[in-house]
C-alpha atoms as a PDB file:
ATOM      1  CA  MET A   1      16.838  14.160   7.725  1.00  0.00           C
ATOM      2  CA  THR A   2      20.237  15.780   8.801  1.00  0.00           C
ATOM      3  CA  ALA A   3      22.547  14.820   6.369  1.00  0.00           C
ATOM      4  CA  GLY A   4      25.756  14.472   8.148  1.00  0.00           C
ATOM      5  CA  ARG A   5      24.114  13.068  11.614  1.00  0.00           C
ATOM      6  CA  ALA A   6      22.828   9.996  10.249  1.00  0.00           C
ATOM      7  CA  TRP A   7      26.447   8.640   9.737  1.00  0.00           C
ATOM      8  CA  GLU A   8      27.623   9.545  13.408  1.00  0.00           C
ATOM      9  CA  GLY A   9      27.765   6.827  15.991  1.00  0.00           C
ATOM     10  CA  ASN A  10      26.878   3.278  15.547  1.00  0.00           C
ATOM     11  CA  VAL A  11      24.166   3.589  12.918  1.00  0.00           C
ATOM     12  CA  ARG A  12      22.644  -0.123  13.356  1.00  0.00           C
ATOM     13  CA  ALA A  13      22.729   0.256  17.251  1.00  0.00           C
ATOM     14  CA  ARG A  14      20.622   2.996  16.506  1.00  0.00           C
ATOM     15  CA  LEU A  15      18.070   1.554  14.108  1.00  0.00           C
ATOM     16  CA  TYR A  16      17.240  -1.093  16.405  1.00  0.00           C
ATOM     17  CA  GLU A  17      16.818   0.889  19.479  1.00  0.00           C
ATOM     18  CA  ARG A  18      14.424   3.380  17.585  1.00  0.00           C
ATOM     19  CA  VAL A  19      12.936   0.339  16.492  1.00  0.00           C
ATOM     20  CA  ARG A  20      12.641  -1.606  19.763  1.00  0.00           C
ATOM     21  CA  GLU A  21      11.339   1.954  21.531  1.00  0.00           C
ATOM     22  CA  ARG A  22       8.384   1.469  19.078  1.00  0.00           C
ATOM     23  CA  GLY A  23       7.469  -1.968  20.105  1.00  0.00           C
ATOM     24  CA  TYR A  24       9.349  -4.139  17.459  1.00  0.00           C
ATOM     25  CA  ASP A  25      12.054  -7.050  17.593  1.00  0.00           C
ATOM     26  CA  SER A  26      12.882  -5.937  13.907  1.00  0.00           C
ATOM     27  CA  LEU A  27      13.362  -3.744  11.206  1.00  0.00           C
ATOM     28  CA  THR A  28      11.175  -5.905   9.199  1.00  0.00           C
ATOM     29  CA  ALA A  29       8.481  -6.012  11.825  1.00  0.00           C
ATOM     30  CA  PHE A  30       8.614  -2.211  11.799  1.00  0.00           C
ATOM     31  CA  ALA A  31       8.174  -2.089   8.002  1.00  0.00           C
ATOM     32  CA  ASP A  32       5.888  -4.483   8.127  1.00  0.00           C
ATOM     33  CA  ALA A  33       3.739  -2.743  10.300  1.00  0.00           C
ATOM     34  CA  HIS A  34       3.849   0.341   8.040  1.00  0.00           C
ATOM     35  CA  PRO A  35       2.982  -1.054   4.252  1.00  0.00           C
ATOM     36  CA  ALA A  36       3.447   0.811   1.492  1.00  0.00           C
ATOM     37  CA  VAL A  37       5.196   3.635   3.253  1.00  0.00           C
ATOM     38  CA  PRO A  38       8.302   4.957   1.151  1.00  0.00           C
ATOM     39  CA  LEU A  39      11.503   4.330   3.032  1.00  0.00           C
ATOM     40  CA  TYR A  40      12.584   7.994   3.671  1.00  0.00           C
ATOM     41  CA  VAL A  41       9.245   8.264   5.660  1.00  0.00           C
ATOM     42  CA  LEU A  42      10.426   5.316   7.529  1.00  0.00           C
ATOM     43  CA  ALA A  43      13.630   6.520   7.941  1.00  0.00           C
ATOM     44  CA  ASP A  44      12.036   9.966   9.464  1.00  0.00           C
ATOM     45  CA  THR A  45       9.777   7.902  11.491  1.00  0.00           C
ATOM     46  CA  LEU A  46      12.703   6.460  13.609  1.00  0.00           C
ATOM     47  CA  GLY A  47      15.167   9.394  13.459  1.00  0.00           C
ATOM     48  CA  LYS A  48      14.137  12.585  11.032  1.00  0.00           C
ATOM     49  CA  ASP A  49      17.369  14.196  12.158  1.00  0.00           C
ATOM     50  CA  ASP A  50      19.881  11.047  12.147  1.00  0.00           C
ATOM     51  CA  VAL A  51      18.459   8.377  10.644  1.00  0.00           C
ATOM     52  CA  ALA A  52      18.528   7.804   6.545  1.00  0.00           C
ATOM     53  CA  ALA A  53      16.513   5.293   4.249  1.00  0.00           C
ATOM     54  CA  VAL A  54      19.433   3.679   2.616  1.00  0.00           C
ATOM     55  CA  GLN A  55      20.328   2.817   6.588  1.00  0.00           C
ATOM     56  CA  VAL A  56      16.718   1.499   7.052  1.00  0.00           C
ATOM     57  CA  PHE A  57      17.155  -0.411   3.739  1.00  0.00           C
ATOM     58  CA  SER A  58      20.482  -2.016   4.342  1.00  0.00           C
ATOM     59  CA  GLY A  59      19.447  -3.154   7.872  1.00  0.00           C
ATOM     60  CA  LEU A  60      16.032  -4.508   6.047  1.00  0.00           C
ATOM     61  CA  LEU A  61      17.937  -6.206   3.580  1.00  0.00           C
ATOM     62  CA  GLY A  62      20.574  -7.778   6.179  1.00  0.00           C
ATOM     63  CA  GLU A  63      17.629  -9.246   7.846  1.00  0.00           C
ATOM     64  CA  ALA A  64      15.990 -10.478   4.467  1.00  0.00           C
ATOM     65  CA  GLU A  65      19.308 -12.326   3.374  1.00  0.00           C
ATOM     66  CA  GLN A  66      19.332 -13.986   7.125  1.00  0.00           C
ATOM     67  CA  ARG A  67      15.800 -15.058   6.482  1.00  0.00           C
ATOM     68  CA  HIS A  68      15.952 -16.069   2.947  1.00  0.00           C
ATOM     69  CA  ARG A  69      13.494 -13.597   2.159  1.00  0.00           C
ATOM     70  CA  VAL A  70      15.443 -10.828  -0.278  1.00  0.00           C
ATOM     71  CA  THR A  71      12.723 -11.188  -3.034  1.00  0.00           C
ATOM     72  CA  ARG A  72      10.047 -10.641  -0.839  1.00  0.00           C
ATOM     73  CA  LEU A  73      11.895  -7.322   0.278  1.00  0.00           C
ATOM     74  CA  VAL A  74      12.066  -6.481  -3.592  1.00  0.00           C
ATOM     75  CA  ARG A  75       8.737  -6.768  -3.482  1.00  0.00           C
ATOM     76  CA  ASP A  76       8.107  -4.634  -0.835  1.00  0.00           C
ATOM     77  CA  VAL A  77      10.147  -1.881  -2.085  1.00  0.00           C
ATOM     78  CA  LEU A  78       8.131  -1.963  -5.538  1.00  0.00           C
ATOM     79  CA  ALA A  79       5.151  -1.587  -3.146  1.00  0.00           C
ATOM     80  CA  ARG A  80       6.914   1.375  -1.288  1.00  0.00           C
ATOM     81  CA  GLU A  81       8.073   3.175  -4.423  1.00  0.00           C
ATOM     82  CA  LEU A  82       4.599   2.692  -6.508  1.00  0.00           C
ATOM     83  CA  ALA A  83       2.510   3.886  -3.317  1.00  0.00           C
ATOM     84  CA  GLU A  84       4.435   7.000  -3.449  1.00  0.00           C
ATOM     85  CA  ASP A  85       4.160   7.783  -7.000  1.00  0.00           C
ATOM     86  CA  PHE A  86       0.713   6.328  -7.609  1.00  0.00           C
ATOM     87  CA  PRO A  87      -1.474   6.690  -3.950  1.00  0.00           C
ATOM     88  CA  ASN A  88      -4.384   6.178  -6.489  1.00  0.00           C
ATOM     89  CA  GLY A  89      -3.261   3.157  -7.840  1.00  0.00           C
ATOM     90  CA  TRP A  90      -1.977   2.147 -11.182  1.00  0.00           C
ATOM     91  CA  PRO A  91      -2.897   4.772 -14.038  1.00  0.00           C
ATOM     92  CA  ALA A  92      -5.891   3.834 -16.613  1.00  0.00           C
ATOM     93  CA  VAL A  93      -3.890   5.031 -19.427  1.00  0.00           C
ATOM     94  CA  VAL A  94      -0.216   5.130 -19.447  1.00  0.00           C
ATOM     95  CA  ASP A  95       0.220   8.100 -21.482  1.00  0.00           C
ATOM     96  CA  ASP A  96       3.004  11.474 -21.688  1.00  0.00           C
ATOM     97  CA  SER A  97       1.423  12.630 -18.260  1.00  0.00           C
ATOM     98  CA  ASN A  98       2.360   9.792 -15.883  1.00  0.00           C
ATOM     99  CA  ARG A  99       5.015   7.929 -17.886  1.00  0.00           C
ATOM    100  CA  PHE A 100       7.987   9.752 -16.480  1.00  0.00           C
ATOM    101  CA  ASP A 101       6.376   9.039 -12.965  1.00  0.00           C
ATOM    102  CA  LEU A 102       6.565   5.368 -13.622  1.00  0.00           C
ATOM    103  CA  ALA A 103       9.881   5.377 -15.273  1.00  0.00           C
ATOM    104  CA  LEU A 104      11.239   7.023 -12.137  1.00  0.00           C
ATOM    105  CA  ALA A 105       9.676   4.623  -9.614  1.00  0.00           C
ATOM    106  CA  LEU A 106      10.852   1.754 -11.728  1.00  0.00           C
ATOM    107  CA  ALA A 107      14.368   3.305 -11.441  1.00  0.00           C
ATOM    108  CA  ARG A 108      14.151   4.326  -7.857  1.00  0.00           C
ATOM    109  CA  TRP A 109      13.088   0.417  -7.057  1.00  0.00           C
ATOM    110  CA  SER A 110      15.832  -0.999  -9.423  1.00  0.00           C
ATOM    111  CA  SER A 111      18.349   1.091  -7.408  1.00  0.00           C
ATOM    112  CA  TYR A 112      17.149  -0.434  -4.198  1.00  0.00           C
ATOM    113  CA  ALA A 113      17.635  -4.138  -5.940  1.00  0.00           C
ATOM    114  CA  PRO A 114      20.502  -6.226  -4.368  1.00  0.00           C
ATOM    115  CA  GLU A 115      22.938  -7.313  -7.283  1.00  0.00           C
ATOM    116  CA  THR A 116      21.697 -10.858  -7.133  1.00  0.00           C
ATOM    117  CA  HIS A 117      18.015  -9.655  -7.908  1.00  0.00           C
ATOM    118  CA  GLU A 118      19.090  -6.948 -10.550  1.00  0.00           C
ATOM    119  CA  GLU A 119      18.048  -8.868 -13.541  1.00  0.00           C
ATOM    120  CA  ARG A 120      15.036 -10.305 -12.168  1.00  0.00           C
ATOM    121  CA  VAL A 121      13.778  -7.005 -11.110  1.00  0.00           C
ATOM    122  CA  ARG A 122      14.829  -5.476 -14.480  1.00  0.00           C
ATOM    123  CA  LYS A 123      12.568  -8.020 -16.206  1.00  0.00           C
ATOM    124  CA  ALA A 124       9.917  -7.641 -13.906  1.00  0.00           C
ATOM    125  CA  GLY A 125       9.812  -3.580 -14.702  1.00  0.00           C
ATOM    126  CA  ASP A 126       9.969  -4.440 -18.026  1.00  0.00           C
ATOM    127  CA  ALA A 127       7.056  -6.992 -17.696  1.00  0.00           C
ATOM    128  CA  LEU A 128       4.847  -4.315 -15.711  1.00  0.00           C
ATOM    129  CA  LEU A 129       5.272  -1.662 -18.747  1.00  0.00           C
ATOM    130  CA  VAL A 130       4.465  -4.198 -21.673  1.00  0.00           C
ATOM    131  CA  HIS A 131       1.591  -6.198 -19.603  1.00  0.00           C
ATOM    132  CA  PRO A 132       0.715  -3.507 -17.019  1.00  0.00           C
ATOM    133  CA  PRO A 133      -1.788  -4.249 -13.909  1.00  0.00           C
ATOM    134  CA  PRO A 134      -5.429  -3.105 -13.852  1.00  0.00           C
ATOM    135  CA  PRO A 135      -6.336   0.427 -13.628  1.00  0.00           C
ATOM    136  CA  GLY A 136      -6.144   1.579 -10.430  1.00  0.00           C
ATOM    137  CA  TRP A 137      -4.067  -1.698  -8.713  1.00  0.00           C
ATOM    138  CA  ARG A 138      -2.477  -0.368  -5.917  1.00  0.00           C
ATOM    139  CA  PRO A 139      -0.257  -3.137  -4.323  1.00  0.00           C
ATOM    140  CA  LEU A 140      -0.533  -2.534  -0.403  1.00  0.00           C
ATOM    141  CA  GLY A 141       2.636  -4.970   0.919  1.00  0.00           C
ATOM    142  CA  PRO A 142       5.428  -7.332  -0.559  1.00  0.00           C
ATOM    143  CA  ASP A 143       2.776 -10.238  -0.270  1.00  0.00           C
ATOM    144  CA  ASP A 144       0.107  -8.337  -2.840  1.00  0.00           C
ATOM    145  CA  GLU A 145      -0.991 -11.366  -5.488  1.00  0.00           C
ATOM    146  CA  PHE A 146      -0.173  -9.446  -8.658  1.00  0.00           C
ATOM    147  CA  LEU A 147       3.102  -8.848  -7.170  1.00  0.00           C
ATOM    148  CA  ARG A 148       4.050 -12.651  -6.101  1.00  0.00           C
ATOM    149  CA  THR A 149       3.163 -13.367  -9.777  1.00  0.00           C
ATOM    150  CA  LEU A 150       5.750 -11.014 -11.284  1.00  0.00           C
ATOM    151  CA  LEU A 151       8.267 -11.916  -8.668  1.00  0.00           C
ATOM    152  CA  PRO A 152       7.905 -15.328  -7.011  1.00  0.00           C
ATOM    153  CA  ASP A 153       9.628 -16.209  -4.196  1.00  0.00           C
ATOM    154  CA  GLU A 154      12.790 -18.276  -4.976  1.00  0.00           C
ATOM    155  CA  GLU A 155      14.793 -18.668  -2.037  1.00  0.00           C
ATOM    156  CA  THR A 156      15.237 -22.233   0.054  1.00  0.00           C
END
């Protein structure tokens, strides 16, 4: 992605134009159709030279807030981050060779957490490390049973 072009013009209009060109009526529908795909890959799919991952996330967050589904988005981002670093699922053993990768994935996830969910994300990340999922676990999206247990919906 070319850094300068992503911020030119009407970013929101460009995002929704690209999503509609691909047959979706929302960024959420587009993201749901591409589960466990990192945000930067979604951005590249919408416009390699003029769409940034943070713009995709911002649009997804806006839609999630309108629909009262922010927790679902937070789980979705975790699934995407884990899929990127652990395509074969959760490691059987957390050792020096993968501990850093886990910490990095959780830190990236935390960086996307809306202020309203920062504490829940911190606690969920800690819980994952203290009580890890079974080896090979790979969430394919925000509705994964283990993720829903870790971060249940609380919006009304």
